[in-house]
Structure formats: C-alpha cells, structure tokens
Amino acid sequence: MAGGFVQLYTYDSYDLTAFLSKNGAWQIDADTGLPGYQRSYSYQWTVTKIEGQQAIDPRLDARNQIEYPSAPVDATMLTACTYHALIAHTTTCPVIFTSGTVRPIDVKKFYQYGWDIANHP
C-alpha cells in the first residue's frame, strides 16, 4: 500500500468472464465480432422491476439471489469463472456459492442453467 492507496484490479475473471458456447469454446459476440464476455457476479439475476413494464412479483421471484436476506447459501451462486475451461481446456468451471463452497460444475450444464445451476442437480 503505497501512498495510502490500495491497488485493485480493474476487473478479474470472477467479475467478468468469457462467454462460452455449450461446447466450452469462446463464443463470438454477434455485435462486435470479438470474443464475448458475460457478467459472472450479480446480487440480482432476475429483473424484478422494469420501468414502464409490469414487474415480477417478488413473492414469485427466484429466492436464490444475493438480494434476498434469506437466500439459501448452498443454492445461491456468488460467482463463477469460465476461464478455467477456456484456457486450461477443462470440462468444468469453478462456481462459488454464498456458503463459501466452491464446486466444479460441468461447462455444458453451466451454459444451460447459469446462475441458477444449484437448482438443477
């Protein structure tokens, strides 16, 4: 810590990670023609309020999101990193849950279910 400042990364692979195809290849962003990225952390994965549109009833919303104080810790994803599959060519990516548990999840399964992976055994 030089001069009273803490040096932090601009981002890392647990904030923003590669958007993979269901086969684990880096998916190209249709808008840019470049390899795509996806957000890998959010306190709210579903939209509960859209201005000018009907909101999702919070009582019917997915409870396994960080925004809910009673979210089940073993079923609430904190973040995931797809770079392990992309760079090391593994078939899994680590998914961190709010319980502190890290589980290797099959890339194809993560592609299919994303943040809601814990509800799909």
N, C-alpha and C. Protein backbone atom coordinates (compact mmCIF):
# COMPACT_ATOMS: atom_id res chain seq x y z
N MET A 1 0.85 -1.17 0.00
CA MET A 1 0.00 0.00 0.00
C MET A 1 0.90 1.23 0.00
N ALA A 2 1.13 1.76 -1.16
CA ALA A 2 1.99 2.93 -1.31
C ALA A 2 1.16 4.21 -1.31
N GLY A 3 1.58 5.18 -0.55
CA GLY A 3 0.90 6.47 -0.54
C GLY A 3 -0.52 6.44 -0.02
N GLY A 4 -0.88 5.41 0.75
CA GLY A 4 -2.22 5.34 1.31
C GLY A 4 -3.28 4.80 0.37
N PHE A 5 -2.88 4.33 -0.82
CA PHE A 5 -3.84 3.80 -1.78
C PHE A 5 -3.68 2.29 -1.90
N VAL A 6 -4.77 1.62 -2.10
CA VAL A 6 -4.76 0.18 -2.33
C VAL A 6 -4.94 -0.03 -3.83
N GLN A 7 -4.04 -0.77 -4.43
CA GLN A 7 -4.11 -1.07 -5.86
C GLN A 7 -5.07 -2.23 -6.08
N LEU A 8 -6.12 -2.03 -6.86
CA LEU A 8 -7.07 -3.09 -7.18
C LEU A 8 -7.09 -3.31 -8.68
N TYR A 9 -7.39 -4.53 -9.06
CA TYR A 9 -7.55 -4.83 -10.48
C TYR A 9 -8.76 -4.09 -11.02
N THR A 10 -8.72 -3.71 -12.29
CA THR A 10 -9.88 -3.09 -12.93
C THR A 10 -11.03 -4.07 -12.92
N TYR A 11 -10.76 -5.30 -13.27
CA TYR A 11 -11.71 -6.39 -13.18
C TYR A 11 -10.92 -7.68 -13.18
N ASP A 12 -11.55 -8.75 -12.82
CA ASP A 12 -10.90 -10.05 -12.91
C ASP A 12 -11.92 -11.06 -13.42
N SER A 13 -11.52 -12.29 -13.56
CA SER A 13 -12.38 -13.30 -14.17
C SER A 13 -13.53 -13.74 -13.27
N TYR A 14 -13.62 -13.21 -12.06
CA TYR A 14 -14.76 -13.51 -11.21
C TYR A 14 -15.78 -12.37 -11.25
N ASP A 15 -15.49 -11.29 -11.94
CA ASP A 15 -16.44 -10.20 -12.17
C ASP A 15 -17.02 -10.32 -13.58
N LEU A 16 -16.13 -10.51 -14.53
CA LEU A 16 -16.46 -10.59 -15.95
C LEU A 16 -15.69 -11.77 -16.49
N THR A 17 -16.38 -12.68 -17.15
CA THR A 17 -15.71 -13.90 -17.59
C THR A 17 -16.10 -14.21 -19.03
N ALA A 18 -15.37 -15.09 -19.65
CA ALA A 18 -15.61 -15.43 -21.05
C ALA A 18 -17.00 -16.04 -21.23
N PHE A 19 -17.68 -15.65 -22.29
CA PHE A 19 -18.97 -16.24 -22.63
C PHE A 19 -18.67 -17.45 -23.50
N LEU A 20 -18.95 -18.63 -22.95
CA LEU A 20 -18.63 -19.86 -23.64
C LEU A 20 -19.84 -20.45 -24.35
N SER A 21 -19.58 -21.14 -25.43
CA SER A 21 -20.62 -21.91 -26.09
C SER A 21 -20.87 -23.16 -25.26
N LYS A 22 -21.89 -23.92 -25.62
CA LYS A 22 -22.19 -25.12 -24.85
C LYS A 22 -21.09 -26.17 -24.96
N ASN A 23 -20.17 -26.01 -25.91
CA ASN A 23 -19.05 -26.93 -26.04
C ASN A 23 -17.78 -26.43 -25.38
N GLY A 24 -17.85 -25.28 -24.71
CA GLY A 24 -16.70 -24.75 -23.99
C GLY A 24 -15.79 -23.86 -24.81
N ALA A 25 -16.19 -23.51 -26.03
CA ALA A 25 -15.40 -22.60 -26.87
C ALA A 25 -15.83 -21.16 -26.60
N TRP A 26 -14.92 -20.23 -26.79
CA TRP A 26 -15.23 -18.82 -26.56
C TRP A 26 -16.20 -18.35 -27.63
N GLN A 27 -17.37 -17.94 -27.21
CA GLN A 27 -18.42 -17.54 -28.15
C GLN A 27 -18.17 -16.12 -28.64
N ILE A 28 -18.35 -15.91 -29.92
CA ILE A 28 -18.15 -14.60 -30.53
C ILE A 28 -19.40 -13.74 -30.30
N ASP A 29 -19.19 -12.50 -29.89
CA ASP A 29 -20.27 -11.54 -29.70
C ASP A 29 -20.78 -11.12 -31.07
N ALA A 30 -22.05 -11.31 -31.33
CA ALA A 30 -22.63 -11.01 -32.64
C ALA A 30 -22.54 -9.52 -32.98
N ASP A 31 -22.54 -8.65 -31.96
CA ASP A 31 -22.49 -7.20 -32.21
C ASP A 31 -21.09 -6.70 -32.56
N THR A 32 -20.07 -7.28 -31.94
CA THR A 32 -18.71 -6.78 -32.14
C THR A 32 -17.84 -7.66 -33.03
N GLY A 33 -18.22 -8.93 -33.16
CA GLY A 33 -17.38 -9.86 -33.91
C GLY A 33 -16.16 -10.32 -33.12
N LEU A 34 -16.10 -9.94 -31.84
CA LEU A 34 -14.98 -10.29 -30.97
C LEU A 34 -15.43 -11.32 -29.94
N PRO A 35 -14.48 -11.99 -29.30
CA PRO A 35 -14.87 -12.92 -28.23
C PRO A 35 -15.73 -12.22 -27.19
N GLY A 36 -16.81 -12.87 -26.79
CA GLY A 36 -17.76 -12.26 -25.87
C GLY A 36 -17.43 -12.47 -24.41
N TYR A 37 -17.99 -11.60 -23.58
CA TYR A 37 -17.84 -11.68 -22.13
C TYR A 37 -19.23 -11.67 -21.51
N GLN A 38 -19.31 -12.19 -20.29
CA GLN A 38 -20.56 -12.15 -19.55
C GLN A 38 -20.27 -11.78 -18.11
N ARG A 39 -21.26 -11.17 -17.49
CA ARG A 39 -21.15 -10.83 -16.08
C ARG A 39 -21.19 -12.13 -15.29
N SER A 40 -20.31 -12.27 -14.34
CA SER A 40 -20.29 -13.50 -13.55
C SER A 40 -20.64 -13.25 -12.09
N TYR A 41 -21.06 -12.03 -11.78
CA TYR A 41 -21.49 -11.70 -10.42
C TYR A 41 -22.67 -10.76 -10.51
N SER A 42 -23.69 -11.02 -9.72
CA SER A 42 -24.82 -10.10 -9.61
C SER A 42 -25.58 -10.42 -8.33
N TYR A 43 -26.03 -9.39 -7.65
CA TYR A 43 -26.84 -9.63 -6.46
C TYR A 43 -28.27 -9.94 -6.88
N GLN A 44 -28.62 -9.62 -8.12
CA GLN A 44 -29.97 -9.84 -8.63
C GLN A 44 -29.87 -10.33 -10.07
N TRP A 45 -30.14 -11.62 -10.28
CA TRP A 45 -30.05 -12.20 -11.62
C TRP A 45 -31.33 -12.02 -12.42
N THR A 46 -32.44 -11.94 -11.76
CA THR A 46 -33.71 -11.75 -12.46
C THR A 46 -34.13 -10.30 -12.35
N VAL A 47 -34.97 -9.89 -13.24
CA VAL A 47 -35.43 -8.49 -13.24
C VAL A 47 -36.72 -8.43 -12.43
N THR A 48 -36.70 -7.66 -11.36
CA THR A 48 -37.91 -7.54 -10.55
C THR A 48 -38.61 -6.21 -10.77
N LYS A 49 -37.98 -5.30 -11.49
CA LYS A 49 -38.61 -4.01 -11.75
C LYS A 49 -38.09 -3.46 -13.07
N ILE A 50 -39.00 -3.26 -13.98
CA ILE A 50 -38.65 -2.66 -15.27
C ILE A 50 -39.52 -1.44 -15.44
N GLU A 51 -38.91 -0.30 -15.61
CA GLU A 51 -39.68 0.93 -15.74
C GLU A 51 -40.61 0.86 -16.95
N GLY A 52 -41.87 1.17 -16.72
CA GLY A 52 -42.85 1.18 -17.79
C GLY A 52 -43.42 -0.19 -18.12
N GLN A 53 -42.97 -1.23 -17.43
CA GLN A 53 -43.49 -2.57 -17.67
C GLN A 53 -43.91 -3.20 -16.36
N GLN A 54 -44.67 -4.25 -16.45
CA GLN A 54 -45.11 -4.94 -15.25
C GLN A 54 -43.91 -5.63 -14.60
N ALA A 55 -43.79 -5.47 -13.30
CA ALA A 55 -42.67 -6.06 -12.56
C ALA A 55 -43.00 -7.50 -12.19
N ILE A 56 -41.96 -8.29 -12.00
CA ILE A 56 -42.14 -9.65 -11.48
C ILE A 56 -42.52 -9.52 -10.01
N ASP A 57 -43.51 -10.26 -9.60
CA ASP A 57 -43.92 -10.25 -8.20
C ASP A 57 -42.78 -10.83 -7.36
N PRO A 58 -42.20 -10.06 -6.43
CA PRO A 58 -41.07 -10.57 -5.63
C PRO A 58 -41.38 -11.87 -4.89
N ARG A 59 -42.65 -12.11 -4.59
CA ARG A 59 -43.01 -13.37 -3.91
C ARG A 59 -42.85 -14.57 -4.83
N LEU A 60 -42.83 -14.32 -6.14
CA LEU A 60 -42.69 -15.40 -7.12
C LEU A 60 -41.28 -15.46 -7.71
N ASP A 61 -40.44 -14.53 -7.32
CA ASP A 61 -39.08 -14.44 -7.85
C ASP A 61 -38.21 -15.57 -7.30
N ALA A 62 -37.15 -15.89 -8.02
CA ALA A 62 -36.19 -16.91 -7.57
C ALA A 62 -35.54 -16.43 -6.27
N ARG A 63 -35.66 -17.20 -5.22
CA ARG A 63 -35.16 -16.81 -3.89
C ARG A 63 -33.66 -17.01 -3.75
N ASN A 64 -33.02 -17.71 -4.67
CA ASN A 64 -31.59 -17.98 -4.55
C ASN A 64 -30.77 -16.89 -5.25
N GLN A 65 -30.99 -15.65 -4.80
CA GLN A 65 -30.25 -14.50 -5.29
C GLN A 65 -29.77 -13.71 -4.07
N ILE A 66 -28.61 -13.11 -4.19
CA ILE A 66 -27.98 -12.42 -3.06
C ILE A 66 -28.87 -11.30 -2.52
N GLU A 67 -29.73 -10.72 -3.36
CA GLU A 67 -30.59 -9.63 -2.92
C GLU A 67 -31.53 -10.03 -1.78
N TYR A 68 -31.81 -11.32 -1.62
CA TYR A 68 -32.72 -11.77 -0.57
C TYR A 68 -31.96 -12.20 0.67
N PRO A 69 -32.27 -11.60 1.82
CA PRO A 69 -31.55 -11.94 3.06
C PRO A 69 -31.66 -13.41 3.44
N SER A 70 -32.74 -14.07 3.05
CA SER A 70 -32.93 -15.48 3.42
C SER A 70 -32.57 -16.43 2.28
N ALA A 71 -31.75 -15.98 1.35
CA ALA A 71 -31.35 -16.83 0.22
C ALA A 71 -30.62 -18.06 0.74
N PRO A 72 -30.94 -19.24 0.23
CA PRO A 72 -30.27 -20.47 0.69
C PRO A 72 -28.79 -20.45 0.27
N VAL A 73 -27.90 -20.50 1.24
CA VAL A 73 -26.47 -20.30 0.97
C VAL A 73 -25.85 -21.37 0.07
N ASP A 74 -26.37 -22.60 0.11
CA ASP A 74 -25.80 -23.65 -0.73
C ASP A 74 -26.39 -23.66 -2.13
N ALA A 75 -27.39 -22.81 -2.38
CA ALA A 75 -28.03 -22.77 -3.70
C ALA A 75 -27.96 -21.38 -4.32
N THR A 76 -27.20 -20.47 -3.69
CA THR A 76 -27.10 -19.11 -4.20
C THR A 76 -25.69 -18.88 -4.73
N MET A 77 -25.60 -18.72 -6.06
CA MET A 77 -24.29 -18.53 -6.69
C MET A 77 -23.76 -17.13 -6.41
N LEU A 78 -22.52 -17.06 -5.98
CA LEU A 78 -21.85 -15.78 -5.80
C LEU A 78 -21.18 -15.37 -7.11
N THR A 79 -20.39 -16.28 -7.67
CA THR A 79 -19.71 -16.01 -8.93
C THR A 79 -19.21 -17.33 -9.53
N ALA A 80 -18.76 -17.25 -10.77
CA ALA A 80 -18.20 -18.41 -11.46
C ALA A 80 -17.09 -17.93 -12.38
N CYS A 81 -16.22 -18.84 -12.78
CA CYS A 81 -15.12 -18.47 -13.68
C CYS A 81 -15.01 -19.48 -14.81
N THR A 82 -15.32 -19.03 -16.02
CA THR A 82 -15.25 -19.93 -17.18
C THR A 82 -13.86 -19.99 -17.81
N TYR A 83 -12.94 -19.15 -17.36
CA TYR A 83 -11.60 -19.15 -17.95
C TYR A 83 -10.87 -20.47 -17.75
N HIS A 84 -11.20 -21.19 -16.68
CA HIS A 84 -10.55 -22.49 -16.46
C HIS A 84 -10.86 -23.42 -17.63
N ALA A 85 -12.09 -23.40 -18.10
CA ALA A 85 -12.47 -24.23 -19.23
C ALA A 85 -11.86 -23.70 -20.52
N LEU A 86 -11.83 -22.39 -20.66
CA LEU A 86 -11.32 -21.78 -21.89
C LEU A 86 -9.80 -21.93 -22.03
N ILE A 87 -9.07 -21.56 -20.99
CA ILE A 87 -7.61 -21.53 -21.06
C ILE A 87 -6.99 -22.91 -20.80
N ALA A 88 -7.46 -23.60 -19.77
CA ALA A 88 -6.88 -24.91 -19.43
C ALA A 88 -7.61 -26.06 -20.13
N HIS A 89 -8.66 -25.73 -20.87
CA HIS A 89 -9.45 -26.72 -21.61
C HIS A 89 -10.00 -27.80 -20.69
N THR A 90 -10.46 -27.37 -19.51
CA THR A 90 -11.11 -28.31 -18.60
C THR A 90 -12.57 -28.45 -19.03
N THR A 91 -13.24 -29.45 -18.51
CA THR A 91 -14.66 -29.64 -18.81
C THR A 91 -15.54 -29.04 -17.72
N THR A 92 -14.89 -28.45 -16.72
CA THR A 92 -15.63 -27.84 -15.62
C THR A 92 -15.18 -26.41 -15.38
N CYS A 93 -16.02 -25.66 -14.68
CA CYS A 93 -15.62 -24.32 -14.23
C CYS A 93 -15.99 -24.21 -12.76
N PRO A 94 -15.18 -23.50 -11.96
CA PRO A 94 -15.49 -23.37 -10.54
C PRO A 94 -16.65 -22.39 -10.34
N VAL A 95 -17.58 -22.80 -9.50
CA VAL A 95 -18.72 -21.96 -9.13
C VAL A 95 -18.65 -21.77 -7.62
N ILE A 96 -18.67 -20.51 -7.19
CA ILE A 96 -18.59 -20.19 -5.76
C ILE A 96 -19.99 -19.82 -5.28
N PHE A 97 -20.40 -20.43 -4.19
CA PHE A 97 -21.71 -20.17 -3.60
C PHE A 97 -21.55 -19.29 -2.36
N THR A 98 -22.62 -18.67 -1.93
CA THR A 98 -22.53 -17.75 -0.79
C THR A 98 -22.18 -18.46 0.51
N SER A 99 -22.26 -19.78 0.53
CA SER A 99 -21.83 -20.54 1.71
C SER A 99 -20.31 -20.57 1.81
N GLY A 100 -19.61 -20.17 0.72
CA GLY A 100 -18.16 -20.25 0.68
C GLY A 100 -17.69 -21.52 -0.02
N THR A 101 -18.61 -22.39 -0.36
CA THR A 101 -18.30 -23.63 -1.06
C THR A 101 -17.99 -23.35 -2.53
N VAL A 102 -16.97 -24.03 -3.03
CA VAL A 102 -16.64 -23.95 -4.45
C VAL A 102 -16.84 -25.34 -5.03
N ARG A 103 -17.62 -25.41 -6.11
CA ARG A 103 -17.86 -26.70 -6.75
C ARG A 103 -17.49 -26.63 -8.23
N PRO A 104 -16.80 -27.66 -8.73
CA PRO A 104 -16.56 -27.71 -10.17
C PRO A 104 -17.85 -28.14 -10.85
N ILE A 105 -18.30 -27.33 -11.79
CA ILE A 105 -19.56 -27.60 -12.50
C ILE A 105 -19.24 -27.85 -13.97
N ASP A 106 -19.87 -28.85 -14.54
CA ASP A 106 -19.70 -29.16 -15.94
C ASP A 106 -20.05 -27.93 -16.79
N VAL A 107 -19.19 -27.58 -17.74
CA VAL A 107 -19.36 -26.39 -18.57
C VAL A 107 -20.67 -26.43 -19.34
N LYS A 108 -21.04 -27.59 -19.88
CA LYS A 108 -22.29 -27.70 -20.63
C LYS A 108 -23.49 -27.43 -19.72
N LYS A 109 -23.42 -27.91 -18.50
CA LYS A 109 -24.50 -27.68 -17.55
C LYS A 109 -24.55 -26.21 -17.13
N PHE A 110 -23.38 -25.61 -16.92
CA PHE A 110 -23.34 -24.19 -16.56
C PHE A 110 -23.87 -23.33 -17.71
N TYR A 111 -23.54 -23.70 -18.93
CA TYR A 111 -24.05 -22.98 -20.11
C TYR A 111 -25.58 -23.03 -20.12
N GLN A 112 -26.13 -24.18 -19.77
CA GLN A 112 -27.57 -24.36 -19.82
C GLN A 112 -28.31 -23.62 -18.70
N TYR A 113 -27.77 -23.63 -17.47
CA TYR A 113 -28.50 -23.10 -16.32
C TYR A 113 -27.93 -21.81 -15.73
N GLY A 114 -26.66 -21.50 -15.99
CA GLY A 114 -26.08 -20.26 -15.49
C GLY A 114 -26.20 -20.09 -13.99
N TRP A 115 -26.59 -18.89 -13.57
CA TRP A 115 -26.65 -18.53 -12.15
C TRP A 115 -27.55 -19.46 -11.34
N ASP A 116 -28.48 -20.13 -11.96
CA ASP A 116 -29.45 -21.00 -11.25
C ASP A 116 -28.99 -22.45 -11.22
N ILE A 117 -27.71 -22.68 -11.42
CA ILE A 117 -27.14 -24.01 -11.53
C ILE A 117 -27.46 -24.92 -10.33
N ALA A 118 -27.51 -24.38 -9.14
CA ALA A 118 -27.72 -25.20 -7.94
C ALA A 118 -29.11 -25.82 -7.88
N ASN A 119 -30.05 -25.28 -8.61
CA ASN A 119 -31.40 -25.85 -8.63
C ASN A 119 -31.59 -26.91 -9.70
N HIS A 120 -30.49 -27.34 -10.31
CA HIS A 120 -30.57 -28.34 -11.37
C HIS A 120 -29.50 -29.41 -11.17
N PRO A 121 -29.81 -30.37 -10.27
CA PRO A 121 -28.82 -31.43 -9.97
C PRO A 121 -28.48 -32.30 -11.16
